[in-house]
Amino acid sequence: MVTSRAKVDYDPESDSLAIFFADRKSSTSIENGDIVIDIDYKKNIVGIELLNATKILSYLTKQQIVKDTLERITDCALETKQFGNNIIVKFALTLSNKKIIENTIAVPIMSGEKLAALA
């Protein structure tokens, strides 16, 4: 997996967190519960959206993540890779106090179609 800088957009009203590559455009999405993976026309992953982000991140990190915390994100690194029938997404969110929230999510792909190799 190669780490790339990504943009972050957090909407506290809907509690949704979007992590995306600003220079790439989504053409389709894979939804798995409250996790949405955006894919471009070449089948590269271009972003991920977490619906109910505070709940998902609190569960993943085993620490309480509140909306105020996500509003203080200043930087983000994102790694993506397909491994078998899963999309592996590793992220590191840097907050204004320099604290880093990081974790890895594996999202199953329901179809047998492979995504493009991610570099």
C-alpha atoms as a PDB file:
ATOM      1  CA  MET A   1       0.000   0.000   0.000  1.00  0.00           C
ATOM      2  CA  VAL A   2       1.205   3.491  -0.828  1.00  0.00           C
ATOM      3  CA  THR A   3       0.211   6.411   1.388  1.00  0.00           C
ATOM      4  CA  SER A   4      -1.280   9.458  -0.321  1.00  0.00           C
ATOM      5  CA  ARG A   5      -2.449  12.784   1.035  1.00  0.00           C
ATOM      6  CA  ALA A   6      -6.208  13.125   0.935  1.00  0.00           C
ATOM      7  CA  LYS A   7      -8.822  15.791   1.580  1.00  0.00           C
ATOM      8  CA  VAL A   8     -11.325  15.506   4.401  1.00  0.00           C
ATOM      9  CA  ASP A   9     -14.841  16.874   4.686  1.00  0.00           C
ATOM     10  CA  TYR A  10     -16.788  16.372   7.916  1.00  0.00           C
ATOM     11  CA  ASP A  11     -20.465  17.309   8.193  1.00  0.00           C
ATOM     12  CA  PRO A  12     -21.450  17.432  11.887  1.00  0.00           C
ATOM     13  CA  GLU A  13     -25.156  17.739  11.076  1.00  0.00           C
ATOM     14  CA  SER A  14     -25.255  14.358   9.316  1.00  0.00           C
ATOM     15  CA  ASP A  15     -22.179  12.995  11.157  1.00  0.00           C
ATOM     16  CA  SER A  16     -20.608  11.953   7.853  1.00  0.00           C
ATOM     17  CA  LEU A  17     -16.887  11.968   7.174  1.00  0.00           C
ATOM     18  CA  ALA A  18     -15.615  11.932   3.587  1.00  0.00           C
ATOM     19  CA  ILE A  19     -11.946  11.179   2.878  1.00  0.00           C
ATOM     20  CA  PHE A  20     -11.099  11.596  -0.791  1.00  0.00           C
ATOM     21  CA  PHE A  21      -8.487  12.372  -3.401  1.00  0.00           C
ATOM     22  CA  ALA A  22      -9.427  15.820  -4.732  1.00  0.00           C
ATOM     23  CA  ASP A  23      -7.825  15.223  -8.129  1.00  0.00           C
ATOM     24  CA  ARG A  24      -9.900  12.114  -8.869  1.00  0.00           C
ATOM     25  CA  LYS A  25     -13.598  11.810  -9.696  1.00  0.00           C
ATOM     26  CA  SER A  26     -15.924   9.037  -8.576  1.00  0.00           C
ATOM     27  CA  SER A  27     -17.962   7.180 -11.176  1.00  0.00           C
ATOM     28  CA  THR A  28     -19.566   4.566  -8.901  1.00  0.00           C
ATOM     29  CA  SER A  29     -19.772   3.522  -5.269  1.00  0.00           C
ATOM     30  CA  ILE A  30     -19.756   0.331  -3.236  1.00  0.00           C
ATOM     31  CA  GLU A  31     -21.956   0.587  -0.153  1.00  0.00           C
ATOM     32  CA  ASN A  32     -21.542  -1.665   2.859  1.00  0.00           C
ATOM     33  CA  GLY A  33     -23.724  -0.488   5.712  1.00  0.00           C
ATOM     34  CA  ASP A  34     -22.490   2.924   6.857  1.00  0.00           C
ATOM     35  CA  ILE A  35     -19.305   2.727   4.767  1.00  0.00           C
ATOM     36  CA  VAL A  36     -19.269   3.908   1.146  1.00  0.00           C
ATOM     37  CA  ILE A  37     -16.243   3.354  -1.122  1.00  0.00           C
ATOM     38  CA  ASP A  38     -16.039   5.643  -4.172  1.00  0.00           C
ATOM     39  CA  ILE A  39     -14.413   4.283  -7.338  1.00  0.00           C
ATOM     40  CA  ASP A  40     -13.375   6.017 -10.567  1.00  0.00           C
ATOM     41  CA  TYR A  41     -13.971   4.774 -14.112  1.00  0.00           C
ATOM     42  CA  LYS A  42     -10.600   2.953 -14.052  1.00  0.00           C
ATOM     43  CA  LYS A  43     -11.765   1.053 -10.929  1.00  0.00           C
ATOM     44  CA  ASN A  44      -9.357   2.855  -8.584  1.00  0.00           C
ATOM     45  CA  ILE A  45     -10.536   3.800  -5.122  1.00  0.00           C
ATOM     46  CA  VAL A  46     -10.897   7.578  -4.945  1.00  0.00           C
ATOM     47  CA  GLY A  47     -12.484   8.008  -1.534  1.00  0.00           C
ATOM     48  CA  ILE A  48     -14.375   6.641   1.425  1.00  0.00           C
ATOM     49  CA  GLU A  49     -17.341   8.034   3.303  1.00  0.00           C
ATOM     50  CA  LEU A  50     -18.242   7.057   6.844  1.00  0.00           C
ATOM     51  CA  LEU A  51     -21.889   7.641   7.727  1.00  0.00           C
ATOM     52  CA  ASN A  52     -22.384   7.853  11.505  1.00  0.00           C
ATOM     53  CA  ALA A  53     -18.663   8.606  11.638  1.00  0.00           C
ATOM     54  CA  THR A  54     -18.410   9.153  15.399  1.00  0.00           C
ATOM     55  CA  LYS A  55     -19.971   5.750  16.069  1.00  0.00           C
ATOM     56  CA  ILE A  56     -17.762   3.929  13.529  1.00  0.00           C
ATOM     57  CA  LEU A  57     -14.527   5.633  14.611  1.00  0.00           C
ATOM     58  CA  SER A  58     -15.306   5.166  18.318  1.00  0.00           C
ATOM     59  CA  TYR A  59     -15.815   1.452  17.672  1.00  0.00           C
ATOM     60  CA  LEU A  60     -12.677   1.086  15.543  1.00  0.00           C
ATOM     61  CA  THR A  61     -10.364   3.045  17.835  1.00  0.00           C
ATOM     62  CA  LYS A  62     -11.917   1.881  21.112  1.00  0.00           C
ATOM     63  CA  GLN A  63     -11.987   5.501  22.297  1.00  0.00           C
ATOM     64  CA  GLN A  64     -14.778   8.025  22.365  1.00  0.00           C
ATOM     65  CA  ILE A  65     -14.767  10.138  19.215  1.00  0.00           C
ATOM     66  CA  VAL A  66     -17.158  13.091  19.273  1.00  0.00           C
ATOM     67  CA  LYS A  67     -18.239  15.526  16.556  1.00  0.00           C
ATOM     68  CA  ASP A  68     -16.008  18.284  17.949  1.00  0.00           C
ATOM     69  CA  THR A  69     -13.003  15.995  17.473  1.00  0.00           C
ATOM     70  CA  LEU A  70     -13.800  15.386  13.806  1.00  0.00           C
ATOM     71  CA  GLU A  71     -14.310  19.103  13.193  1.00  0.00           C
ATOM     72  CA  ARG A  72     -10.642  19.618  14.182  1.00  0.00           C
ATOM     73  CA  ILE A  73      -9.115  17.416  11.452  1.00  0.00           C
ATOM     74  CA  THR A  74      -6.305  19.328   9.722  1.00  0.00           C
ATOM     75  CA  ASP A  75      -4.689  16.623   7.586  1.00  0.00           C
ATOM     76  CA  CYS A  76      -5.288  13.104   6.338  1.00  0.00           C
ATOM     77  CA  ALA A  77      -3.272  10.262   4.841  1.00  0.00           C
ATOM     78  CA  LEU A  78      -5.057   7.440   3.030  1.00  0.00           C
ATOM     79  CA  GLU A  79      -3.894   4.042   1.773  1.00  0.00           C
ATOM     80  CA  THR A  80      -6.090   1.705  -0.247  1.00  0.00           C
ATOM     81  CA  LYS A  81      -5.641  -1.773  -1.632  1.00  0.00           C
ATOM     82  CA  GLN A  82      -7.747  -4.684  -2.799  1.00  0.00           C
ATOM     83  CA  PHE A  83      -6.973  -7.948  -1.042  1.00  0.00           C
ATOM     84  CA  GLY A  84      -9.050 -10.873  -2.263  1.00  0.00           C
ATOM     85  CA  ASN A  85     -12.699  -9.882  -1.969  1.00  0.00           C
ATOM     86  CA  ASN A  86     -11.976  -7.025   0.434  1.00  0.00           C
ATOM     87  CA  ILE A  87     -11.020  -3.403   0.007  1.00  0.00           C
ATOM     88  CA  ILE A  88      -8.487  -2.458   2.659  1.00  0.00           C
ATOM     89  CA  VAL A  89      -8.512   1.219   3.636  1.00  0.00           C
ATOM     90  CA  LYS A  90      -5.963   2.577   6.103  1.00  0.00           C
ATOM     91  CA  PHE A  91      -6.329   6.174   7.226  1.00  0.00           C
ATOM     92  CA  ALA A  92      -4.549   8.590   9.555  1.00  0.00           C
ATOM     93  CA  LEU A  93      -6.437  11.731  10.580  1.00  0.00           C
ATOM     94  CA  THR A  94      -4.347  14.512  12.119  1.00  0.00           C
ATOM     95  CA  LEU A  95      -6.163  16.847  14.502  1.00  0.00           C
ATOM     96  CA  SER A  96      -5.353  20.482  15.246  1.00  0.00           C
ATOM     97  CA  ASN A  97      -3.689  19.432  18.539  1.00  0.00           C
ATOM     98  CA  LYS A  98      -1.408  17.065  16.510  1.00  0.00           C
ATOM     99  CA  LYS A  99      -3.168  13.970  17.876  1.00  0.00           C
ATOM    100  CA  ILE A 100      -3.572  11.282  15.213  1.00  0.00           C
ATOM    101  CA  ILE A 101      -6.555   8.980  14.818  1.00  0.00           C
ATOM    102  CA  GLU A 102      -5.629   6.012  12.657  1.00  0.00           C
ATOM    103  CA  ASN A 103      -7.073   2.656  11.796  1.00  0.00           C
ATOM    104  CA  THR A 104      -7.680   0.157   9.022  1.00  0.00           C
ATOM    105  CA  ILE A 105     -11.044  -0.882   7.612  1.00  0.00           C
ATOM    106  CA  ALA A 106     -11.686  -3.978   5.491  1.00  0.00           C
ATOM    107  CA  VAL A 107     -14.812  -3.678   3.352  1.00  0.00           C
ATOM    108  CA  PRO A 108     -16.097  -6.811   1.569  1.00  0.00           C
ATOM    109  CA  ILE A 109     -16.799  -6.526  -2.161  1.00  0.00           C
ATOM    110  CA  MET A 110     -20.036  -8.262  -3.022  1.00  0.00           C
ATOM    111  CA  SER A 111     -19.327  -8.796  -6.714  1.00  0.00           C
ATOM    112  CA  GLY A 112     -16.535 -10.959  -8.057  1.00  0.00           C
ATOM    113  CA  GLU A 113     -15.241  -8.022 -10.099  1.00  0.00           C
ATOM    114  CA  LYS A 114     -11.713  -6.944  -9.266  1.00  0.00           C
ATOM    115  CA  LEU A 115     -10.744  -3.321  -8.837  1.00  0.00           C
ATOM    116  CA  ALA A 116      -7.675  -1.898 -10.536  1.00  0.00           C
ATOM    117  CA  ALA A 117      -4.350  -2.435  -8.814  1.00  0.00           C
ATOM    118  CA  LEU A 118      -3.743   0.404  -6.406  1.00  0.00           C
ATOM    119  CA  ALA A 119      -0.304   1.913  -6.183  1.00  0.00           C
END
